[in-house]
Amino acid sequence: MNRISVEGIKVGSRFTHPVFFDNGVNMFVAENIPVSQRDLDMIKTWKITSLFTCGRQLKDGEQFTPAKDLSGGRKYEPLDFIIDTSANKN
């Protein structure tokens, strides 16, 4: 799973796959859904500094193309990934 700094996310940002916080437990936005000001305010209020996705952020104006299935037909769930955050203690 890819880690994304919230500093690089702005209103209107979209992603190729769902984006999660809380180590992949809670969804921030679904794939191809633009980030709203309310979304940004929420992660700022909750002091979230990183988000996680199996995809990537789409460039401004980039067309969304559903991802090819590289999983061999297996559907992955957020908890299928283990994220070690022990190095990020504040």
N, C-alpha and C. Protein backbone atom coordinates (compact mmCIF):
# COMPACT_ATOMS: atom_id res chain seq x y z
N MET A 1 0.86 -1.17 0.00
CA MET A 1 0.00 0.00 0.00
C MET A 1 0.90 1.23 0.00
N ASN A 2 0.54 2.24 -0.76
CA ASN A 2 1.32 3.46 -0.87
C ASN A 2 0.89 4.48 0.19
N ARG A 3 1.88 5.11 0.79
CA ARG A 3 1.62 6.17 1.76
C ARG A 3 1.63 7.51 1.03
N ILE A 4 0.63 8.35 1.34
CA ILE A 4 0.51 9.66 0.71
C ILE A 4 0.49 10.72 1.80
N SER A 5 1.32 11.73 1.66
CA SER A 5 1.30 12.86 2.59
C SER A 5 0.08 13.71 2.29
N VAL A 6 -0.64 14.12 3.33
CA VAL A 6 -1.84 14.95 3.12
C VAL A 6 -1.48 16.33 2.57
N GLU A 7 -0.23 16.73 2.70
CA GLU A 7 0.20 18.04 2.20
C GLU A 7 0.05 18.14 0.68
N GLY A 8 0.11 17.00 -0.03
CA GLY A 8 0.02 17.00 -1.48
C GLY A 8 -1.40 16.85 -2.01
N ILE A 9 -2.37 16.85 -1.11
CA ILE A 9 -3.77 16.66 -1.51
C ILE A 9 -4.49 18.00 -1.44
N LYS A 10 -5.26 18.28 -2.48
CA LYS A 10 -6.01 19.53 -2.53
C LYS A 10 -7.45 19.23 -2.92
N VAL A 11 -8.31 20.21 -2.80
CA VAL A 11 -9.70 20.06 -3.23
C VAL A 11 -9.71 19.66 -4.70
N GLY A 12 -10.45 18.61 -5.02
CA GLY A 12 -10.54 18.12 -6.40
C GLY A 12 -9.59 16.99 -6.72
N SER A 13 -8.63 16.69 -5.83
CA SER A 13 -7.72 15.56 -6.07
C SER A 13 -8.53 14.28 -6.20
N ARG A 14 -8.10 13.41 -7.12
CA ARG A 14 -8.75 12.11 -7.31
C ARG A 14 -7.68 11.03 -7.34
N PHE A 15 -8.10 9.80 -7.09
CA PHE A 15 -7.17 8.68 -6.99
C PHE A 15 -7.65 7.49 -7.81
N THR A 16 -6.72 6.62 -8.21
CA THR A 16 -7.06 5.46 -9.02
C THR A 16 -7.67 4.33 -8.20
N HIS A 17 -7.50 4.36 -6.89
CA HIS A 17 -8.02 3.35 -5.98
C HIS A 17 -8.54 4.07 -4.73
N PRO A 18 -9.33 3.38 -3.92
CA PRO A 18 -9.79 4.00 -2.67
C PRO A 18 -8.61 4.44 -1.80
N VAL A 19 -8.83 5.48 -1.01
CA VAL A 19 -7.80 6.03 -0.12
C VAL A 19 -8.30 5.86 1.32
N PHE A 20 -7.40 5.42 2.19
CA PHE A 20 -7.76 5.10 3.58
C PHE A 20 -6.90 5.87 4.57
N PHE A 21 -7.38 5.95 5.81
CA PHE A 21 -6.58 6.45 6.93
C PHE A 21 -6.74 5.46 8.07
N ASP A 22 -6.12 5.71 9.21
CA ASP A 22 -6.13 4.78 10.35
C ASP A 22 -5.62 3.41 9.92
N ASN A 23 -4.46 3.40 9.26
CA ASN A 23 -3.82 2.14 8.85
C ASN A 23 -4.71 1.28 7.97
N GLY A 24 -5.47 1.91 7.10
CA GLY A 24 -6.29 1.17 6.15
C GLY A 24 -7.63 0.73 6.67
N VAL A 25 -8.03 1.20 7.84
CA VAL A 25 -9.29 0.77 8.43
C VAL A 25 -10.46 1.63 7.94
N ASN A 26 -10.28 2.92 7.82
CA ASN A 26 -11.35 3.84 7.45
C ASN A 26 -11.08 4.47 6.09
N MET A 27 -12.13 4.51 5.24
CA MET A 27 -11.96 5.08 3.91
C MET A 27 -12.08 6.60 3.95
N PHE A 28 -11.14 7.25 3.28
CA PHE A 28 -11.14 8.71 3.13
C PHE A 28 -11.97 9.09 1.91
N VAL A 29 -11.63 8.56 0.74
CA VAL A 29 -12.43 8.75 -0.48
C VAL A 29 -12.33 7.49 -1.33
N ALA A 30 -13.37 7.25 -2.12
CA ALA A 30 -13.38 6.13 -3.06
C ALA A 30 -12.61 6.51 -4.32
N GLU A 31 -12.34 5.53 -5.15
CA GLU A 31 -11.62 5.81 -6.39
C GLU A 31 -12.40 6.78 -7.26
N ASN A 32 -11.68 7.70 -7.88
CA ASN A 32 -12.19 8.69 -8.82
C ASN A 32 -13.21 9.66 -8.21
N ILE A 33 -13.31 9.74 -6.90
CA ILE A 33 -14.19 10.70 -6.24
C ILE A 33 -13.33 11.90 -5.82
N PRO A 34 -13.67 13.11 -6.26
CA PRO A 34 -12.86 14.27 -5.90
C PRO A 34 -12.89 14.56 -4.39
N VAL A 35 -11.73 14.92 -3.87
CA VAL A 35 -11.61 15.31 -2.47
C VAL A 35 -12.32 16.66 -2.29
N SER A 36 -13.12 16.77 -1.25
CA SER A 36 -13.84 18.02 -0.98
C SER A 36 -13.12 18.82 0.12
N GLN A 37 -13.52 20.07 0.26
CA GLN A 37 -12.98 20.89 1.35
C GLN A 37 -13.33 20.27 2.69
N ARG A 38 -14.52 19.71 2.78
CA ARG A 38 -14.94 19.04 4.02
C ARG A 38 -14.01 17.87 4.36
N ASP A 39 -13.61 17.10 3.33
CA ASP A 39 -12.66 15.99 3.54
C ASP A 39 -11.34 16.51 4.10
N LEU A 40 -10.83 17.58 3.50
CA LEU A 40 -9.56 18.15 3.96
C LEU A 40 -9.68 18.70 5.38
N ASP A 41 -10.80 19.35 5.68
CA ASP A 41 -11.01 19.88 7.03
C ASP A 41 -11.04 18.75 8.06
N MET A 42 -11.65 17.63 7.68
CA MET A 42 -11.75 16.48 8.59
C MET A 42 -10.37 15.93 8.94
N ILE A 43 -9.54 15.70 7.93
CA ILE A 43 -8.23 15.12 8.24
C ILE A 43 -7.34 16.11 8.99
N LYS A 44 -7.55 17.40 8.75
CA LYS A 44 -6.80 18.41 9.51
C LYS A 44 -7.25 18.42 10.97
N THR A 45 -8.57 18.38 11.19
CA THR A 45 -9.11 18.36 12.56
C THR A 45 -8.63 17.15 13.33
N TRP A 46 -8.58 16.00 12.65
CA TRP A 46 -8.18 14.75 13.30
C TRP A 46 -6.66 14.56 13.32
N LYS A 47 -5.93 15.56 12.78
CA LYS A 47 -4.46 15.54 12.78
C LYS A 47 -3.89 14.32 12.05
N ILE A 48 -4.53 13.98 10.95
CA ILE A 48 -4.05 12.88 10.11
C ILE A 48 -2.99 13.44 9.17
N THR A 49 -1.83 12.81 9.13
CA THR A 49 -0.73 13.31 8.30
C THR A 49 -0.46 12.46 7.07
N SER A 50 -0.93 11.21 7.10
CA SER A 50 -0.70 10.31 5.97
C SER A 50 -1.96 9.52 5.65
N LEU A 51 -2.12 9.26 4.36
CA LEU A 51 -3.22 8.42 3.87
C LEU A 51 -2.60 7.26 3.11
N PHE A 52 -3.40 6.23 2.82
CA PHE A 52 -2.88 5.02 2.19
C PHE A 52 -3.77 4.57 1.05
N THR A 53 -3.15 4.13 -0.05
CA THR A 53 -3.89 3.63 -1.20
C THR A 53 -3.06 2.59 -1.94
N CYS A 54 -3.73 1.72 -2.65
CA CYS A 54 -3.04 0.77 -3.52
C CYS A 54 -2.79 1.40 -4.89
N GLY A 55 -3.33 2.59 -5.11
CA GLY A 55 -3.19 3.26 -6.40
C GLY A 55 -2.31 4.48 -6.30
N ARG A 56 -2.73 5.50 -7.02
CA ARG A 56 -1.96 6.75 -7.08
C ARG A 56 -2.91 7.92 -7.29
N GLN A 57 -2.40 9.11 -7.04
CA GLN A 57 -3.19 10.32 -7.27
C GLN A 57 -3.18 10.62 -8.76
N LEU A 58 -4.36 10.92 -9.31
CA LEU A 58 -4.46 11.30 -10.71
C LEU A 58 -3.96 12.72 -10.90
N LYS A 59 -3.31 12.97 -12.03
CA LYS A 59 -2.85 14.32 -12.34
C LYS A 59 -4.04 15.18 -12.73
N ASP A 60 -3.92 16.49 -12.59
CA ASP A 60 -4.99 17.41 -12.99
C ASP A 60 -5.38 17.15 -14.43
N GLY A 61 -6.66 16.94 -14.67
CA GLY A 61 -7.17 16.71 -16.02
C GLY A 61 -7.01 15.30 -16.54
N GLU A 62 -6.33 14.44 -15.80
CA GLU A 62 -6.11 13.06 -16.25
C GLU A 62 -7.43 12.28 -16.21
N GLN A 63 -7.70 11.55 -17.28
CA GLN A 63 -8.90 10.72 -17.35
C GLN A 63 -8.73 9.51 -16.44
N PHE A 64 -9.80 9.16 -15.77
CA PHE A 64 -9.79 7.98 -14.91
C PHE A 64 -10.07 6.75 -15.76
N THR A 65 -9.21 5.76 -15.65
CA THR A 65 -9.40 4.47 -16.30
C THR A 65 -9.39 3.43 -15.19
N PRO A 66 -10.47 2.66 -15.03
CA PRO A 66 -10.47 1.64 -13.97
C PRO A 66 -9.23 0.76 -14.07
N ALA A 67 -8.67 0.46 -12.92
CA ALA A 67 -7.43 -0.31 -12.85
C ALA A 67 -7.62 -1.72 -13.40
N LYS A 68 -6.59 -2.21 -14.04
CA LYS A 68 -6.60 -3.60 -14.48
C LYS A 68 -6.47 -4.47 -13.23
N ASP A 69 -7.06 -5.62 -13.28
CA ASP A 69 -7.01 -6.53 -12.15
C ASP A 69 -5.68 -7.27 -12.17
N LEU A 70 -4.78 -6.88 -11.28
CA LEU A 70 -3.47 -7.52 -11.18
C LEU A 70 -3.42 -8.50 -10.02
N SER A 71 -4.56 -8.77 -9.42
CA SER A 71 -4.60 -9.59 -8.22
C SER A 71 -4.88 -11.06 -8.50
N GLY A 72 -4.99 -11.43 -9.77
CA GLY A 72 -5.33 -12.81 -10.07
C GLY A 72 -6.78 -13.12 -9.74
N GLY A 73 -7.62 -12.10 -9.72
CA GLY A 73 -9.03 -12.30 -9.44
C GLY A 73 -9.40 -12.13 -7.98
N ARG A 74 -8.41 -12.00 -7.10
CA ARG A 74 -8.69 -11.85 -5.67
C ARG A 74 -9.01 -10.40 -5.38
N LYS A 75 -10.06 -10.16 -4.62
CA LYS A 75 -10.40 -8.82 -4.18
C LYS A 75 -9.70 -8.56 -2.85
N TYR A 76 -8.98 -7.46 -2.77
CA TYR A 76 -8.27 -7.10 -1.55
C TYR A 76 -9.12 -6.17 -0.70
N GLU A 77 -9.07 -6.37 0.58
CA GLU A 77 -9.74 -5.52 1.54
C GLU A 77 -8.68 -4.73 2.29
N PRO A 78 -9.03 -3.58 2.88
CA PRO A 78 -8.04 -2.75 3.57
C PRO A 78 -7.24 -3.50 4.62
N LEU A 79 -7.86 -4.41 5.33
CA LEU A 79 -7.16 -5.10 6.40
C LEU A 79 -6.26 -6.23 5.90
N ASP A 80 -6.23 -6.46 4.58
CA ASP A 80 -5.32 -7.45 4.01
C ASP A 80 -3.88 -6.95 4.07
N PHE A 81 -3.71 -5.66 4.31
CA PHE A 81 -2.38 -5.07 4.31
C PHE A 81 -1.99 -4.72 5.74
N ILE A 82 -0.76 -5.02 6.06
CA ILE A 82 -0.26 -4.68 7.40
C ILE A 82 0.70 -3.51 7.23
N ILE A 83 0.43 -2.46 7.94
CA ILE A 83 1.24 -1.25 7.84
C ILE A 83 1.92 -1.02 9.18
N ASP A 84 3.23 -1.00 9.17
CA ASP A 84 3.99 -0.78 10.40
C ASP A 84 4.16 0.71 10.61
N THR A 85 3.48 1.25 11.61
CA THR A 85 3.59 2.68 11.90
C THR A 85 4.41 2.95 13.15
N SER A 86 5.10 1.94 13.64
CA SER A 86 5.87 2.12 14.88
C SER A 86 6.97 3.15 14.73
N ALA A 87 7.48 3.37 13.53
CA ALA A 87 8.53 4.36 13.32
C ALA A 87 8.00 5.78 13.29
N ASN A 88 6.67 5.93 13.30
CA ASN A 88 6.07 7.26 13.18
C ASN A 88 5.55 7.80 14.50
N LYS A 89 6.13 7.37 15.59
CA LYS A 89 5.67 7.88 16.89
C LYS A 89 6.08 9.32 17.06
N ASN A 90 5.13 10.14 17.50
CA ASN A 90 5.42 11.56 17.70
C ASN A 90 5.82 11.84 19.12
